[in-house]
Amino acid sequence: MSLRVQLFSNLQDSPVAMDTSDFDIASIITPHSKDDDGNDFLTPLSDDFRRKSSLNSKDTRRSLFPSKRLAEDDQLDESPSYKKMRDISNTVNYSQEIIEAVERLESRDLIADGSRAYTLPTIPGKHGDLKSITAETMVDVVNGKYKENFGKVTIVDCRYPYEFEGGHIKGAVNMYTKDQVHSLLQTPSSTDKPHVLIFHCEFSSERGPKMYRFLRSQDREMNKQHYPRLNFPEVYLLHNGYKAFYQTNKELCDPINYKPMLHEDHSADLRLFRIKSKSWTAGEKQVTSRRSRSRLSRNLSFQ
């Protein structure tokens, strides 16, 4: 007599699908079996049998008891304990990846995402945490020596508009506020080759380095779930800034002129642009949001 008939006298009312074999039924209801001498032998639920058999017991249970088993399996897979263990495992793996990435970046002179070495020759410069290039290297960049290595190069001039208009490196863009620099992170890459940034200001002592660090911090924040990934892993600072570049490479400046920040004709402009350069719309929105939540919390506490 078949196992189906033994279990269910009325086959029409059986909860087991009609095309389910006796073997599959046994895999669910027979967890252990012994031979005539009382010794264990391979059963459909034994570990060795599972490894050797292509039968998926979970799928079999679902076919035997579609509604009940489906609910039980889903509850098991999405239980709080299972989710917590899965999250812990993912956290441990991610932490290990971060440790390995940091060790890789510290052991070799690699760009900030650790994917490869820097393309341009660098010098120590005045800022130990930033990668600096000489005016000579900048000349090579402007003249296209590295165009095969880069998809795009953006020279970011962080001086104030009247300085920029008074003379700048050919091809440079004027970005002196955090909002302007932050907008770079919203620009999608149009090529598989890297988009390289080179920051500078008048002397590359304060404004240029400050915007370099700001961009890197925002880039890290944007990609914090995928460390050490960055939108702009290869960034440089022009050593000694525009003034030094202009003194030896006037022909690569447009117009051929140099206007200092402290020019006597731009005292009012200096005050205006200093104020604007310190503002950051996105940052102010974040602070305002935090303050609003804080006020709301205090108001609710008295209700």
Protein backbone atom coordinates (compact mmCIF):
# COMPACT_ATOMS: atom_id res chain seq x y z
CA MET A 1 0.00 0.00 0.00
CA SER A 2 1.38 3.43 -0.90
CA LEU A 3 2.42 5.86 1.83
CA ARG A 4 -0.15 8.36 0.55
CA VAL A 5 -2.99 5.89 1.02
CA GLN A 6 -1.72 4.94 4.48
CA LEU A 7 -1.71 8.58 5.54
CA PHE A 8 -4.86 9.81 3.86
CA SER A 9 -7.74 7.40 3.37
CA ASN A 10 -9.65 9.96 1.34
CA LEU A 11 -7.23 11.07 -1.37
CA GLN A 12 -9.52 13.84 -2.58
CA ASP A 13 -9.34 15.59 0.81
CA SER A 14 -5.58 15.10 1.19
CA PRO A 15 -3.57 18.34 1.72
CA VAL A 16 -0.73 16.79 -0.27
CA ALA A 17 -0.45 17.65 -3.95
CA MET A 18 -1.44 14.72 -6.17
CA ASP A 19 1.87 14.74 -8.07
CA THR A 20 3.98 14.47 -4.86
CA SER A 21 5.83 11.17 -4.67
CA ASP A 22 5.98 8.82 -1.65
CA PHE A 23 9.70 9.58 -1.47
CA ASP A 24 9.03 13.30 -1.00
CA ILE A 25 6.41 12.58 1.65
CA ALA A 26 8.91 10.39 3.50
CA SER A 27 11.49 13.19 3.44
CA ILE A 28 9.18 15.25 5.64
CA ILE A 29 7.70 12.73 8.05
CA THR A 30 10.68 10.39 8.53
CA PRO A 31 13.49 12.25 10.32
CA HIS A 32 15.32 9.11 11.50
CA SER A 33 15.26 5.41 10.49
CA LYS A 34 17.00 2.24 11.58
CA ASP A 35 17.61 -1.05 9.82
CA ASP A 36 16.61 -4.50 11.14
CA ASP A 37 19.73 -4.63 13.37
CA GLY A 38 18.93 -1.29 15.02
CA ASN A 39 21.65 0.68 13.17
CA ASP A 40 21.07 4.13 11.72
CA PHE A 41 21.01 4.41 7.95
CA LEU A 42 20.65 7.34 5.57
CA THR A 43 17.20 8.84 5.70
CA PRO A 44 15.81 11.67 3.61
CA LEU A 45 16.45 14.13 6.47
CA SER A 46 19.94 12.98 7.51
CA ASP A 47 22.81 15.43 6.89
CA ASP A 48 24.73 13.06 4.63
CA PHE A 49 21.66 12.38 2.61
CA ARG A 50 20.96 16.09 2.17
CA ARG A 51 24.46 16.64 0.87
CA LYS A 52 24.16 13.80 -1.60
CA SER A 53 20.59 14.40 -2.69
CA SER A 54 19.39 17.20 -4.90
CA LEU A 55 16.08 17.29 -3.08
CA ASN A 56 15.26 20.67 -1.61
CA SER A 57 13.39 19.83 1.59
CA LYS A 58 12.07 23.37 1.94
CA ASP A 59 10.52 23.24 -1.53
CA THR A 60 9.09 19.81 -0.73
CA ARG A 61 7.47 21.08 2.45
CA ARG A 62 5.99 23.94 0.51
CA SER A 63 4.53 21.51 -2.06
CA LEU A 64 3.14 19.24 0.68
CA PHE A 65 1.57 21.94 2.83
CA PRO A 66 1.50 25.10 0.70
CA SER A 67 -0.24 27.50 3.07
CA LYS A 68 1.00 26.40 6.47
CA ARG A 69 4.60 25.64 5.51
CA LEU A 70 4.96 28.82 3.50
CA ALA A 71 3.97 30.92 6.51
CA GLU A 72 6.27 29.01 8.88
CA ASP A 73 9.26 29.29 6.53
CA ASP A 74 8.76 33.02 6.05
CA GLN A 75 8.49 33.56 9.81
CA LEU A 76 11.70 31.61 10.33
CA ASP A 77 13.65 33.48 7.65
CA GLU A 78 12.49 36.93 8.83
CA SER A 79 12.44 36.38 12.57
CA PRO A 80 14.08 39.11 14.75
CA SER A 81 16.83 36.73 15.83
CA TYR A 82 17.62 35.78 12.25
CA LYS A 83 17.67 39.43 11.15
CA LYS A 84 19.95 40.39 14.04
CA MET A 85 22.39 37.59 13.24
CA ARG A 86 22.37 38.58 9.59
CA ASP A 87 22.98 42.26 10.43
CA ILE A 88 25.83 41.34 12.79
CA SER A 89 27.41 39.17 10.12
CA ASN A 90 27.14 41.96 7.54
CA THR A 91 28.61 44.49 10.00
CA VAL A 92 31.55 42.25 10.82
CA ASN A 93 32.28 41.68 7.14
CA TYR A 94 31.98 45.41 6.36
CA SER A 95 34.25 46.32 9.30
CA GLN A 96 36.87 43.90 8.07
CA GLU A 97 36.67 45.44 4.60
CA ILE A 98 37.24 48.91 6.09
CA ILE A 99 40.26 47.71 8.09
CA GLU A 100 41.78 46.14 4.98
CA ALA A 101 41.12 49.31 2.95
CA VAL A 102 42.77 51.55 5.58
CA GLU A 103 45.80 49.24 5.78
CA ARG A 104 46.08 49.28 1.98
CA LEU A 105 45.93 53.08 1.85
CA GLU A 106 48.53 53.46 4.61
CA SER A 107 50.98 50.95 3.19
CA ARG A 108 51.17 52.42 -0.33
CA ASP A 109 50.93 55.82 -2.03
CA LEU A 110 47.51 55.25 -3.58
CA ILE A 111 44.69 57.57 -4.54
CA ALA A 112 42.06 58.01 -1.84
CA ASP A 113 39.91 55.00 -2.81
CA GLY A 114 42.94 52.69 -2.89
CA SER A 115 42.31 51.59 -6.47
CA ARG A 116 45.60 52.71 -8.05
CA ALA A 117 48.62 54.96 -7.75
CA TYR A 118 48.52 58.73 -8.34
CA THR A 119 48.95 59.73 -11.97
CA LEU A 120 50.69 63.06 -11.41
CA PRO A 121 54.05 63.42 -9.63
CA THR A 122 53.49 64.92 -6.19
CA ILE A 123 55.59 66.83 -3.67
CA PRO A 124 55.24 67.14 0.14
CA GLY A 125 54.03 70.75 -0.03
CA LYS A 126 52.86 72.87 2.91
CA HIS A 127 49.90 70.62 3.77
CA GLY A 128 50.88 67.13 4.79
CA ASP A 129 47.37 65.70 4.43
CA LEU A 130 46.97 66.93 0.84
CA LYS A 131 48.63 65.91 -2.41
CA SER A 132 50.47 68.84 -3.99
CA ILE A 133 51.86 69.34 -7.49
CA THR A 134 54.37 71.87 -8.79
CA ALA A 135 53.71 74.66 -11.29
CA GLU A 136 55.72 72.63 -13.82
CA THR A 137 53.35 69.69 -13.47
CA MET A 138 50.41 72.02 -13.88
CA VAL A 139 51.94 73.27 -17.13
CA ASP A 140 52.05 69.66 -18.36
CA VAL A 141 48.40 69.18 -17.43
CA VAL A 142 47.29 72.37 -19.22
CA ASN A 143 49.30 71.40 -22.29
CA GLY A 144 47.58 68.01 -22.45
CA LYS A 145 50.46 65.74 -21.48
CA TYR A 146 48.13 63.57 -19.36
CA LYS A 147 45.00 63.71 -21.51
CA GLU A 148 45.24 59.98 -22.26
CA ASN A 149 45.22 59.21 -18.53
CA PHE A 150 42.26 61.36 -17.54
CA GLY A 151 38.69 61.56 -18.71
CA LYS A 152 38.51 65.14 -17.47
CA VAL A 153 40.58 67.59 -15.44
CA THR A 154 38.92 70.46 -13.57
CA ILE A 155 41.16 73.23 -12.26
CA VAL A 156 39.26 74.74 -9.32
CA ASP A 157 40.28 78.36 -8.65
CA CYS A 158 39.07 79.24 -5.14
CA ARG A 159 39.94 82.94 -5.31
CA TYR A 160 37.27 85.62 -5.26
CA PRO A 161 35.62 86.64 -8.56
CA TYR A 162 37.52 89.91 -8.99
CA GLU A 163 40.81 88.01 -8.58
CA PHE A 164 39.72 85.35 -11.07
CA GLU A 165 38.55 87.91 -13.62
CA GLY A 166 41.85 89.73 -13.20
CA GLY A 167 43.76 86.68 -14.47
CA HIS A 168 43.50 82.88 -14.11
CA ILE A 169 44.97 79.66 -15.48
CA LYS A 170 43.47 78.80 -18.85
CA GLY A 171 40.53 76.42 -18.52
CA ALA A 172 40.08 76.98 -14.76
CA VAL A 173 36.66 77.41 -13.15
CA ASN A 174 35.95 79.85 -10.31
CA MET A 175 34.49 78.18 -7.20
CA TYR A 176 34.94 80.13 -3.99
CA THR A 177 31.88 78.96 -1.98
CA LYS A 178 31.11 75.59 -0.42
CA ASP A 179 27.87 75.38 -2.40
CA GLN A 180 29.80 75.69 -5.65
CA VAL A 181 32.36 73.07 -4.65
CA HIS A 182 29.66 70.75 -3.33
CA SER A 183 27.92 70.92 -6.71
CA LEU A 184 30.84 68.98 -8.19
CA LEU A 185 29.59 65.90 -6.33
CA GLN A 186 26.28 66.14 -8.19
CA THR A 187 27.98 65.97 -11.58
CA PRO A 188 27.73 62.48 -13.11
CA SER A 189 30.82 61.11 -14.79
CA SER A 190 30.52 60.90 -18.58
CA THR A 191 33.48 58.57 -19.06
CA ASP A 192 35.10 55.51 -17.51
CA LYS A 193 38.35 57.44 -17.15
CA PRO A 194 38.92 59.41 -13.92
CA HIS A 195 37.77 62.97 -13.38
CA VAL A 196 40.68 64.72 -11.64
CA LEU A 197 40.44 67.92 -9.61
CA ILE A 198 43.24 70.44 -8.96
CA PHE A 199 42.53 73.11 -6.34
CA HIS A 200 44.37 76.38 -5.81
CA CYS A 201 43.96 79.94 -4.58
CA GLU A 202 46.35 82.89 -4.53
CA PHE A 203 49.05 81.15 -2.47
CA SER A 204 47.34 77.75 -1.89
CA SER A 205 47.68 78.44 1.81
CA GLU A 206 44.10 78.76 3.03
CA ARG A 207 41.18 78.96 0.60
CA GLY A 208 42.33 76.26 -1.82
CA PRO A 209 43.27 73.72 0.89
CA LYS A 210 40.06 74.48 2.79
CA MET A 211 37.88 73.70 -0.24
CA TYR A 212 39.96 70.60 -1.04
CA ARG A 213 39.31 69.23 2.46
CA PHE A 214 35.64 70.23 2.33
CA LEU A 215 35.08 68.34 -0.92
CA ARG A 216 36.83 65.25 0.45
CA SER A 217 34.79 65.28 3.66
CA GLN A 218 31.52 65.59 1.71
CA ASP A 219 32.63 62.88 -0.70
CA ARG A 220 33.38 60.55 2.22
CA GLU A 221 30.01 61.32 3.78
CA MET A 222 28.20 60.64 0.52
CA ASN A 223 29.94 57.28 0.12
CA LYS A 224 30.15 56.26 3.79
CA GLN A 225 28.24 53.02 3.18
CA HIS A 226 30.78 51.97 0.55
CA TYR A 227 34.14 52.98 2.05
CA PRO A 228 36.64 53.69 0.53
CA ARG A 229 34.67 54.50 -2.63
CA LEU A 230 34.76 58.18 -3.69
CA ASN A 231 33.40 60.25 -6.54
CA PHE A 232 36.74 62.09 -6.73
CA PRO A 233 39.52 59.88 -5.38
CA GLU A 234 42.28 61.74 -7.25
CA VAL A 235 42.58 65.37 -6.13
CA TYR A 236 45.61 67.70 -6.08
CA LEU A 237 46.64 71.11 -4.75
CA LEU A 238 48.74 73.51 -6.83
CA HIS A 239 51.78 74.29 -4.69
CA ASN A 240 52.20 78.04 -3.92
CA GLY A 241 49.05 78.89 -5.87
CA TYR A 242 48.29 81.18 -8.78
CA LYS A 243 50.84 83.86 -7.92
CA ALA A 244 53.80 81.49 -8.29
CA PHE A 245 52.31 79.91 -11.42
CA TYR A 246 51.77 83.33 -13.02
CA GLN A 247 55.35 84.45 -12.38
CA THR A 248 56.77 81.66 -14.56
CA ASN A 249 53.91 80.82 -16.94
CA LYS A 250 52.17 84.04 -17.95
CA GLU A 251 51.38 82.68 -21.41
CA LEU A 252 49.07 80.07 -19.83
CA CYS A 253 47.03 82.71 -18.00
CA ASP A 254 43.89 84.46 -19.24
CA PRO A 255 44.06 87.40 -19.22
CA ILE A 256 47.77 87.69 -18.71
CA ASN A 257 47.53 89.45 -15.39
CA TYR A 258 47.57 88.88 -11.65
CA LYS A 259 45.27 90.72 -9.25
CA PRO A 260 45.94 90.09 -5.52
CA MET A 261 43.16 89.53 -3.01
CA LEU A 262 44.14 92.69 -1.11
CA HIS A 263 43.94 94.95 -4.16
CA GLU A 264 43.12 98.50 -3.10
CA ASP A 265 40.33 98.85 -5.66
CA HIS A 266 38.37 95.89 -4.25
CA SER A 267 38.08 96.49 -0.51
CA ALA A 268 34.27 96.36 -0.62
CA ASP A 269 34.34 93.27 -2.84
CA LEU A 270 36.69 91.56 -0.40
CA ARG A 271 34.28 92.09 2.50
CA LEU A 272 31.34 90.86 0.44
CA PHE A 273 32.96 87.73 -0.94
CA ARG A 274 34.53 86.80 2.39
CA ILE A 275 31.05 86.64 3.89
CA LYS A 276 29.67 84.66 0.95
CA SER A 277 32.57 82.20 1.01
CA LYS A 278 31.81 81.28 4.63
CA SER A 279 28.16 80.46 3.99
CA TRP A 280 26.91 77.07 2.98
CA THR A 281 23.23 76.65 2.13
CA ALA A 282 23.17 72.87 2.57
CA GLY A 283 24.98 73.15 5.88
CA GLU A 284 22.60 75.83 7.10
CA LYS A 285 19.62 73.63 6.19
CA GLN A 286 21.08 70.77 8.21
CA VAL A 287 21.68 73.00 11.24
CA THR A 288 18.20 74.54 10.93
CA SER A 289 16.67 71.07 10.70
CA ARG A 290 18.46 69.94 13.85
CA ARG A 291 17.40 73.09 15.71
CA SER A 292 13.78 72.64 14.59
CA ARG A 293 13.76 69.05 15.81
CA SER A 294 15.27 70.17 19.11
CA ARG A 295 12.62 72.88 19.61
CA LEU A 296 9.87 70.43 18.69
CA SER A 297 11.20 67.93 21.21
CA ARG A 298 11.25 70.57 23.96
CA ASN A 299 7.70 71.68 23.14
CA LEU A 300 6.41 68.12 23.18
CA SER A 301 8.05 67.49 26.55
CA PHE A 302 5.78 70.14 28.15
CA GLN A 303 2.57 68.80 26.63
